Structure formats: C-alpha cells, structure tokens
PDB file of N, CA and C in Angstrom:
ATOM      1  N   UNK A   1     111.470 128.440  80.900  1.00  0.00           N
ATOM      2  CA  UNK A   1     112.466 128.612  81.038  1.00  0.00           C
ATOM      3  C   UNK A   1     112.482 128.405  82.764  1.00  0.00           C
ATOM      4  N   UNK A   2     113.623 127.731  83.020  1.00  0.00           N
ATOM      5  CA  UNK A   2     113.216 127.109  85.058  1.00  0.00           C
ATOM      6  C   UNK A   2     114.974 127.423  85.542  1.00  0.00           C
ATOM      7  N   UNK A   3     115.094 128.059  86.673  1.00  0.00           N
ATOM      8  CA  UNK A   3     116.431 127.819  86.884  1.00  0.00           C
ATOM      9  C   UNK A   3     116.559 127.253  88.504  1.00  0.00           C
ATOM     10  N   UNK A   4     117.934 126.508  88.257  1.00  0.00           N
ATOM     11  CA  UNK A   4     117.777 125.616  89.691  1.00  0.00           C
ATOM     12  C   UNK A   4     118.902 125.520  90.117  1.00  0.00           C
ATOM     13  N   UNK A   5     119.542 126.097  91.165  1.00  0.00           N
ATOM     14  CA  UNK A   5     120.740 125.581  91.925  1.00  0.00           C
ATOM     15  C   UNK A   5     120.648 124.527  92.393  1.00  0.00           C
ATOM     16  N   UNK A   6     121.368 124.230  92.431  1.00  0.00           N
ATOM     17  CA  UNK A   6     121.698 123.143  93.465  1.00  0.00           C
ATOM     18  C   UNK A   6     123.707 123.273  93.613  1.00  0.00           C
ATOM     19  N   UNK A   7     123.348 121.666  94.730  1.00  0.00           N
ATOM     20  CA  UNK A   7     124.748 121.716  95.403  1.00  0.00           C
ATOM     21  C   UNK A   7     126.056 121.823  94.412  1.00  0.00           C
ATOM     22  N   UNK A   8     127.459 122.331  94.896  1.00  0.00           N
ATOM     23  CA  UNK A   8     128.599 121.422  93.751  1.00  0.00           C
ATOM     24  C   UNK A   8     128.704 119.883  93.795  1.00  0.00           C
ATOM     25  N   UNK A   9     128.383 118.982  94.816  1.00  0.00           N
ATOM     26  CA  UNK A   9     128.453 117.605  95.004  1.00  0.00           C
ATOM     27  C   UNK A   9     127.480 116.869  93.221  1.00  0.00           C
ATOM     28  N   UNK A  10     125.732 117.697  93.851  1.00  0.00           N
ATOM     29  CA  UNK A  10     125.133 117.196  93.087  1.00  0.00           C
ATOM     30  C   UNK A  10     125.441 117.661  91.477  1.00  0.00           C
ATOM     31  N   UNK A  11     126.028 118.910  90.842  1.00  0.00           N
ATOM     32  CA  UNK A  11     126.309 119.619  89.590  1.00  0.00           C
ATOM     33  C   UNK A  11     127.335 118.235  89.384  1.00  0.00           C
ATOM     34  N   UNK A  12     128.695 118.190  90.245  1.00  0.00           N
ATOM     35  CA  UNK A  12     128.950 116.913  89.135  1.00  0.00           C
ATOM     36  C   UNK A  12     128.165 115.833  88.976  1.00  0.00           C
ATOM     37  N   UNK A  13     127.611 115.555  89.993  1.00  0.00           N
ATOM     38  CA  UNK A  13     127.497 113.955  89.945  1.00  0.00           C
ATOM     39  C   UNK A  13     126.438 114.132  88.564  1.00  0.00           C
ATOM     40  N   UNK A  14     125.740 115.081  88.285  1.00  0.00           N
ATOM     41  CA  UNK A  14     125.569 115.637  86.707  1.00  0.00           C
ATOM     42  C   UNK A  14     126.086 115.656  85.793  1.00  0.00           C
ATOM     43  N   UNK A  15     126.818 115.841  85.677  1.00  0.00           N
ATOM     44  CA  UNK A  15     128.115 116.282  84.790  1.00  0.00           C
ATOM     45  C   UNK A  15     128.984 114.570  84.655  1.00  0.00           C
ATOM     46  N   UNK A  16     129.095 113.800  85.147  1.00  0.00           N
ATOM     47  CA  UNK A  16     129.601 112.373  85.304  1.00  0.00           C
ATOM     48  C   UNK A  16     128.379 111.872  84.663  1.00  0.00           C
ATOM     49  N   UNK A  17     127.033 111.839  85.002  1.00  0.00           N
ATOM     50  CA  UNK A  17     125.734 110.928  84.394  1.00  0.00           C
ATOM     51  C   UNK A  17     125.495 111.755  83.552  1.00  0.00           C
ATOM     52  N   UNK A  18     126.147 113.110  82.868  1.00  0.00           N
ATOM     53  CA  UNK A  18     125.916 113.299  81.638  1.00  0.00           C
ATOM     54  C   UNK A  18     127.007 112.439  80.237  1.00  0.00           C
ATOM     55  N   UNK A  19     128.191 112.822  81.074  1.00  0.00           N
ATOM     56  CA  UNK A  19     129.388 112.389  80.073  1.00  0.00           C
ATOM     57  C   UNK A  19     128.620 110.735  79.850  1.00  0.00           C
ATOM     58  N   UNK A  20     128.698 109.550  80.863  1.00  0.00           N
ATOM     59  CA  UNK A  20     128.846 108.557  81.176  1.00  0.00           C
ATOM     60  C   UNK A  20     128.017 108.006  79.625  1.00  0.00           C
ATOM     61  N   UNK A  21     126.328 109.177  79.449  1.00  0.00           N
ATOM     62  CA  UNK A  21     125.051 108.257  79.092  1.00  0.00           C
ATOM     63  C   UNK A  21     125.318 109.407  77.918  1.00  0.00           C
ATOM     64  N   UNK A  22     126.798 110.114  77.571  1.00  0.00           N
ATOM     65  CA  UNK A  22     126.694 111.239  75.985  1.00  0.00           C
ATOM     66  C   UNK A  22     125.461 111.836  75.488  1.00  0.00           C
ATOM     67  N   UNK A  23     124.786 112.254  77.190  1.00  0.00           N
ATOM     68  CA  UNK A  23     123.727 113.543  76.576  1.00  0.00           C
ATOM     69  C   UNK A  23     124.672 114.745  77.285  1.00  0.00           C
ATOM     70  N   UNK A  24     123.640 115.522  77.458  1.00  0.00           N
ATOM     71  CA  UNK A  24     123.885 116.676  78.083  1.00  0.00           C
ATOM     72  C   UNK A  24     123.862 116.500  79.560  1.00  0.00           C
ATOM     73  N   UNK A  25     124.444 117.926  80.194  1.00  0.00           N
ATOM     74  CA  UNK A  25     123.477 117.753  81.426  1.00  0.00           C
ATOM     75  C   UNK A  25     121.661 118.514  81.769  1.00  0.00           C
ATOM     76  N   UNK A  26     121.483 119.407  80.618  1.00  0.00           N
ATOM     77  CA  UNK A  26     120.031 120.089  80.627  1.00  0.00           C
ATOM     78  C   UNK A  26     119.527 118.556  80.429  1.00  0.00           C
ATOM     79  N   UNK A  27     119.598 118.068  79.232  1.00  0.00           N
ATOM     80  CA  UNK A  27     119.030 116.290  79.911  1.00  0.00           C
ATOM     81  C   UNK A  27     118.819 115.890  80.495  1.00  0.00           C
ATOM     82  N   UNK A  28     119.912 115.353  80.885  1.00  0.00           N
ATOM     83  CA  UNK A  28     119.760 114.696  82.169  1.00  0.00           C
ATOM     84  C   UNK A  28     118.907 114.844  83.277  1.00  0.00           C
ATOM     85  N   UNK A  29     119.121 116.494  83.183  1.00  0.00           N
ATOM     86  CA  UNK A  29     118.298 116.853  84.300  1.00  0.00           C
ATOM     87  C   UNK A  29     116.612 117.042  84.558  1.00  0.00           C
ATOM     88  N   UNK A  30     116.839 117.041  83.047  1.00  0.00           N
ATOM     89  CA  UNK A  30     114.821 116.957  82.523  1.00  0.00           C
ATOM     90  C   UNK A  30     114.916 115.458  82.465  1.00  0.00           C
ATOM     91  N   UNK A  31     115.539 115.155  82.630  1.00  0.00           N
ATOM     92  CA  UNK A  31     115.168 113.663  82.266  1.00  0.00           C
ATOM     93  C   UNK A  31     114.624 112.695  84.006  1.00  0.00           C
ATOM     94  N   UNK A  32     115.740 113.511  84.538  1.00  0.00           N
ATOM     95  CA  UNK A  32     115.186 113.459  86.405  1.00  0.00           C
ATOM     96  C   UNK A  32     113.967 113.637  87.003  1.00  0.00           C
ATOM     97  N   UNK A  33     114.038 115.120  86.203  1.00  0.00           N
ATOM     98  CA  UNK A  33     112.560 116.233  87.143  1.00  0.00           C
ATOM     99  C   UNK A  33     111.350 115.278  86.066  1.00  0.00           C
ATOM    100  N   UNK A  34     111.344 114.896  85.061  1.00  0.00           N
ATOM    101  CA  UNK A  34     110.340 114.499  84.467  1.00  0.00           C
ATOM    102  C   UNK A  34     109.239 112.747  85.338  1.00  0.00           C
ATOM    103  N   UNK A  35     111.130 112.135  85.650  1.00  0.00           N
ATOM    104  CA  UNK A  35     110.772 111.157  86.162  1.00  0.00           C
ATOM    105  C   UNK A  35     110.069 111.210  87.393  1.00  0.00           C
ATOM    106  N   UNK A  36     111.066 112.424  88.164  1.00  0.00           N
ATOM    107  CA  UNK A  36     110.331 112.525  89.508  1.00  0.00           C
ATOM    108  C   UNK A  36     108.545 113.364  89.667  1.00  0.00           C
ATOM    109  N   UNK A  37     108.072 113.479  88.464  1.00  0.00           N
ATOM    110  CA  UNK A  37     106.778 114.574  88.709  1.00  0.00           C
ATOM    111  C   UNK A  37     106.256 113.005  88.416  1.00  0.00           C
ATOM    112  N   UNK A  38     106.193 112.453  87.295  1.00  0.00           N
ATOM    113  CA  UNK A  38     105.632 111.118  86.913  1.00  0.00           C
ATOM    114  C   UNK A  38     105.941 110.724  87.929  1.00  0.00           C
ATOM    115  N   UNK A  39     106.699 110.036  88.966  1.00  0.00           N
ATOM    116  CA  UNK A  39     106.390 108.996  90.110  1.00  0.00           C
ATOM    117  C   UNK A  39     105.739 110.028  91.326  1.00  0.00           C
ATOM    118  N   UNK A  40     105.822 111.072  91.591  1.00  0.00           N
ATOM    119  CA  UNK A  40     104.895 111.597  92.164  1.00  0.00           C
ATOM    120  C   UNK A  40     103.901 112.512  92.087  1.00  0.00           C
ATOM    121  N   UNK A  41     102.979 112.269  91.007  1.00  0.00           N
ATOM    122  CA  UNK A  41     102.237 112.437  90.611  1.00  0.00           C
ATOM    123  C   UNK A  41     100.489 111.656  91.150  1.00  0.00           C
ATOM    124  N   UNK A  42     101.331 110.368  91.292  1.00  0.00           N
ATOM    125  CA  UNK A  42     100.454 108.859  91.368  1.00  0.00           C
ATOM    126  C   UNK A  42      99.635 109.500  92.533  1.00  0.00           C
ATOM    127  N   UNK A  43      98.247 109.342  92.227  1.00  0.00           N
ATOM    128  CA  UNK A  43      97.003 109.603  93.203  1.00  0.00           C
ATOM    129  C   UNK A  43      97.286 109.326  94.193  1.00  0.00           C
ATOM    130  N   UNK A  44      97.544 107.811  94.650  1.00  0.00           N
ATOM    131  CA  UNK A  44      98.003 107.202  96.200  1.00  0.00           C
ATOM    132  C   UNK A  44      98.845 106.200  95.750  1.00  0.00           C
ATOM    133  N   UNK A  45      99.032 106.030  96.554  1.00  0.00           N
ATOM    134  CA  UNK A  45      99.855 104.131  96.934  1.00  0.00           C
ATOM    135  C   UNK A  45      98.891 103.506  95.961  1.00  0.00           C
ATOM    136  N   UNK A  46      98.223 103.407  96.536  1.00  0.00           N
ATOM    137  CA  UNK A  46      96.893 102.023  96.660  1.00  0.00           C
ATOM    138  C   UNK A  46      96.795 101.743  95.064  1.00  0.00           C
ATOM    139  N   UNK A  47      96.407 103.444  93.838  1.00  0.00           N
ATOM    140  CA  UNK A  47      96.373 103.347  92.315  1.00  0.00           C
ATOM    141  C   UNK A  47      98.118 102.316  91.879  1.00  0.00           C
ATOM    142  N   UNK A  48      98.854 102.442  92.563  1.00  0.00           N
ATOM    143  CA  UNK A  48      99.868 101.277  92.012  1.00  0.00           C
ATOM    144  C   UNK A  48      99.901 100.237  91.420  1.00  0.00           C
ATOM    145  N   UNK A  49      99.006  99.981  93.118  1.00  0.00           N
ATOM    146  CA  UNK A  49      99.029  98.438  93.413  1.00  0.00           C
ATOM    147  C   UNK A  49      97.490  97.856  93.156  1.00  0.00           C
ATOM    148  N   UNK A  50      96.841  98.802  92.114  1.00  0.00           N
ATOM    149  CA  UNK A  50      94.854  98.240  92.150  1.00  0.00           C
ATOM    150  C   UNK A  50      94.975  97.227  91.462  1.00  0.00           C
ATOM    151  N   UNK A  51      95.874  97.219  90.485  1.00  0.00           N
ATOM    152  CA  UNK A  51      95.729  96.038  89.613  1.00  0.00           C
ATOM    153  C   UNK A  51      96.280  94.620  90.116  1.00  0.00           C
ATOM    154  N   UNK A  52      96.860  94.291  91.590  1.00  0.00           N
ATOM    155  CA  UNK A  52      97.528  93.269  91.712  1.00  0.00           C
ATOM    156  C   UNK A  52      96.453  92.727  92.956  1.00  0.00           C
ATOM    157  N   UNK A  53      95.873  93.626  93.140  1.00  0.00           N
ATOM    158  CA  UNK A  53      94.959  93.731  94.791  1.00  0.00           C
ATOM    159  C   UNK A  53      93.816  92.697  94.434  1.00  0.00           C
ATOM    160  N   UNK A  54      93.668  91.608  95.506  1.00  0.00           N
ATOM    161  CA  UNK A  54      93.268  90.917  95.238  1.00  0.00           C
ATOM    162  C   UNK A  54      93.345  89.148  94.611  1.00  0.00           C
ATOM    163  N   UNK A  55      94.112  89.420  94.157  1.00  0.00           N
ATOM    164  CA  UNK A  55      94.639  88.684  93.506  1.00  0.00           C
ATOM    165  C   UNK A  55      94.998  87.370  93.548  1.00  0.00           C
ATOM    166  N   UNK A  56      95.454  87.116  94.916  1.00  0.00           N
ATOM    167  CA  UNK A  56      95.287  85.831  95.380  1.00  0.00           C
ATOM    168  C   UNK A  56      94.897  85.451  96.269  1.00  0.00           C
ATOM    169  N   UNK A  57      94.831  83.859  95.311  1.00  0.00           N
ATOM    170  CA  UNK A  57      93.614  83.129  95.615  1.00  0.00           C
ATOM    171  C   UNK A  57      93.199  82.023  96.896  1.00  0.00           C
ATOM    172  N   UNK A  58      95.155  81.910  97.229  1.00  0.00           N
ATOM    173  CA  UNK A  58      95.321  80.490  97.822  1.00  0.00           C
ATOM    174  C   UNK A  58      96.214  81.512  99.453  1.00  0.00           C
ATOM    175  N   UNK A  59      96.261  80.571 100.292  1.00  0.00           N
ATOM    176  CA  UNK A  59      96.189  80.307 101.678  1.00  0.00           C
ATOM    177  C   UNK A  59      94.846  80.321 102.636  1.00  0.00           C
ATOM    178  N   UNK A  60      95.837  80.320 103.996  1.00  0.00           N
ATOM    179  CA  UNK A  60      94.516  80.054 105.080  1.00  0.00           C
ATOM    180  C   UNK A  60      93.244  81.614 104.413  1.00  0.00           C
ATOM    181  N   UNK A  61      92.015  81.452 104.995  1.00  0.00           N
ATOM    182  CA  UNK A  61      91.119  82.813 104.500  1.00  0.00           C
ATOM    183  C   UNK A  61      91.229  83.861 106.159  1.00  0.00           C
ATOM    184  N   UNK A  62      91.507  82.886 106.844  1.00  0.00           N
ATOM    185  CA  UNK A  62      91.945  84.048 108.457  1.00  0.00           C
ATOM    186  C   UNK A  62      92.971  83.963 109.087  1.00  0.00           C
ATOM    187  N   UNK A  63      94.518  84.113 107.745  1.00  0.00           N
ATOM    188  CA  UNK A  63      95.481  84.532 107.675  1.00  0.00           C
ATOM    189  C   UNK A  63      95.199  85.864 108.855  1.00  0.00           C
ATOM    190  N   UNK A  64      95.355  86.898 107.875  1.00  0.00           N
ATOM    191  CA  UNK A  64      95.322  88.000 109.429  1.00  0.00           C
ATOM    192  C   UNK A  64      94.874  88.113 110.803  1.00  0.00           C
ATOM    193  N   UNK A  65      94.339  87.079 110.847  1.00  0.00           N
ATOM    194  CA  UNK A  65      92.832  86.604 112.561  1.00  0.00           C
ATOM    195  C   UNK A  65      93.536  86.052 112.839  1.00  0.00           C
ATOM    196  N   UNK A  66      94.293  85.409 112.820  1.00  0.00           N
ATOM    197  CA  UNK A  66      95.452  84.473 113.653  1.00  0.00           C
ATOM    198  C   UNK A  66      96.882  84.583 113.743  1.00  0.00           C
ATOM    199  N   UNK A  67      97.377  86.148 113.201  1.00  0.00           N
ATOM    200  CA  UNK A  67      98.185  86.263 112.856  1.00  0.00           C
ATOM    201  C   UNK A  67      99.371  86.044 114.474  1.00  0.00           C
ATOM    202  N   UNK A  68      98.797  86.621 114.964  1.00  0.00           N
ATOM    203  CA  UNK A  68      99.856  86.369 117.327  1.00  0.00           C
ATOM    204  C   UNK A  68     100.003  84.967 117.293  1.00  0.00           C
ATOM    205  N   UNK A  69      98.907  83.333 116.643  1.00  0.00           N
ATOM    206  CA  UNK A  69      99.025  82.523 117.510  1.00  0.00           C
ATOM    207  C   UNK A  69     100.401  81.819 115.891  1.00  0.00           C
ATOM    208  N   UNK A  70     100.270  82.558 114.714  1.00  0.00           N
ATOM    209  CA  UNK A  70     101.174  82.270 113.991  1.00  0.00           C
ATOM    210  C   UNK A  70     102.256  81.741 114.822  1.00  0.00           C
ATOM    211  N   UNK A  71     102.651  83.309 115.273  1.00  0.00           N
ATOM    212  CA  UNK A  71     103.593  84.261 115.413  1.00  0.00           C
ATOM    213  C   UNK A  71     103.995  82.977 116.609  1.00  0.00           C
ATOM    214  N   UNK A  72     102.713  82.972 117.231  1.00  0.00           N
ATOM    215  CA  UNK A  72     103.358  82.457 118.432  1.00  0.00           C
ATOM    216  C   UNK A  72     104.013  80.895 118.774  1.00  0.00           C
ATOM    217  N   UNK A  73     103.584  80.220 117.325  1.00  0.00           N
ATOM    218  CA  UNK A  73     103.631  78.944 117.496  1.00  0.00           C
ATOM    219  C   UNK A  73     104.958  78.631 116.960  1.00  0.00           C
ATOM    220  N   UNK A  74     105.773  79.628 115.993  1.00  0.00           N
ATOM    221  CA  UNK A  74     106.907  80.014 115.223  1.00  0.00           C
ATOM    222  C   UNK A  74     107.669  80.387 116.460  1.00  0.00           C
ATOM    223  N   UNK A  75     107.932  80.895 117.064  1.00  0.00           N
ATOM    224  CA  UNK A  75     108.605  80.829 118.427  1.00  0.00           C
ATOM    225  C   UNK A  75     108.813  79.916 119.281  1.00  0.00           C
ATOM    226  N   UNK A  76     107.782  79.641 119.949  1.00  0.00           N
ATOM    227  CA  UNK A  76     107.671  78.081 120.487  1.00  0.00           C
ATOM    228  C   UNK A  76     108.920  77.037 119.450  1.00  0.00           C
ATOM    229  N   UNK A  77     108.741  76.901 118.059  1.00  0.00           N
ATOM    230  CA  UNK A  77     109.437  75.499 117.518  1.00  0.00           C
ATOM    231  C   UNK A  77     110.220  76.088 117.702  1.00  0.00           C
ATOM    232  N   UNK A  78     110.770  77.028 117.351  1.00  0.00           N
ATOM    233  CA  UNK A  78     112.401  77.895 117.772  1.00  0.00           C
ATOM    234  C   UNK A  78     112.425  77.284 118.922  1.00  0.00           C
ATOM    235  N   UNK A  79     112.217  77.779 119.827  1.00  0.00           N
ATOM    236  CA  UNK A  79     112.571  77.222 121.020  1.00  0.00           C
ATOM    237  C   UNK A  79     112.757  75.998 121.440  1.00  0.00           C
ATOM    238  N   UNK A  80     112.223  75.365 121.588  1.00  0.00           N
ATOM    239  CA  UNK A  80     112.063  74.194 121.649  1.00  0.00           C
ATOM    240  C   UNK A  80     113.052  73.453 120.833  1.00  0.00           C
ATOM    241  N   UNK A  81     113.436  73.803 118.900  1.00  0.00           N
ATOM    242  CA  UNK A  81     114.193  73.303 118.964  1.00  0.00           C
ATOM    243  C   UNK A  81     115.586  73.404 118.859  1.00  0.00           C
ATOM    244  N   UNK A  82     115.754  74.524 120.242  1.00  0.00           N
ATOM    245  CA  UNK A  82     117.301  74.885 120.871  1.00  0.00           C
ATOM    246  C   UNK A  82     118.148  74.055 121.973  1.00  0.00           C
ATOM    247  N   UNK A  83     116.459  73.431 122.322  1.00  0.00           N
ATOM    248  CA  UNK A  83     116.962  72.694 123.115  1.00  0.00           C
ATOM    249  C   UNK A  83     117.885  71.478 123.438  1.00  0.00           C
TER     250      UNK A  83
END
C-alpha cells in the first residue's frame, strides 16, 4: 500500500484523466507511476540510444573536427548574400 499527497490541481487533473479514459483514478495514478519508474530506471541515456549509435555511414568523416570552418563559411555566405 502506498499513500501519496498531491495538490488539489493535480487531483483534479487525475480525476479528469480518469473520466476521459473510463478508468479509475487509482488506475491512472498506477499507470503514471509505472511509466515514470520504467523511464527513470534506464541505466543511462546511452543505453536508450545504443542500438542507433554507429549506424550513420554517410557524410564527411572529419565533420566534428572542422565544424568551426563549416559555421564560418555558412556565416560568410549569409553575409555576402545580404549585400
């Protein structure tokens, strides 16, 4: 058993959500807590993205090394386009 105190504003929001979804207030709160615990229990942000890392195969390999050069050229091009 768990007892939680919330503001009146939050209680009303939970009640509205319960009515809109056809569930009890307890069911809405349980789901919110489960979602929160699942989201917060991730070991690190890296873990959430691990399957995507290293999948990019296109583009220049030295992009991060020359980012200042790229920004400078974009700004110069913008400036010359205004004149």
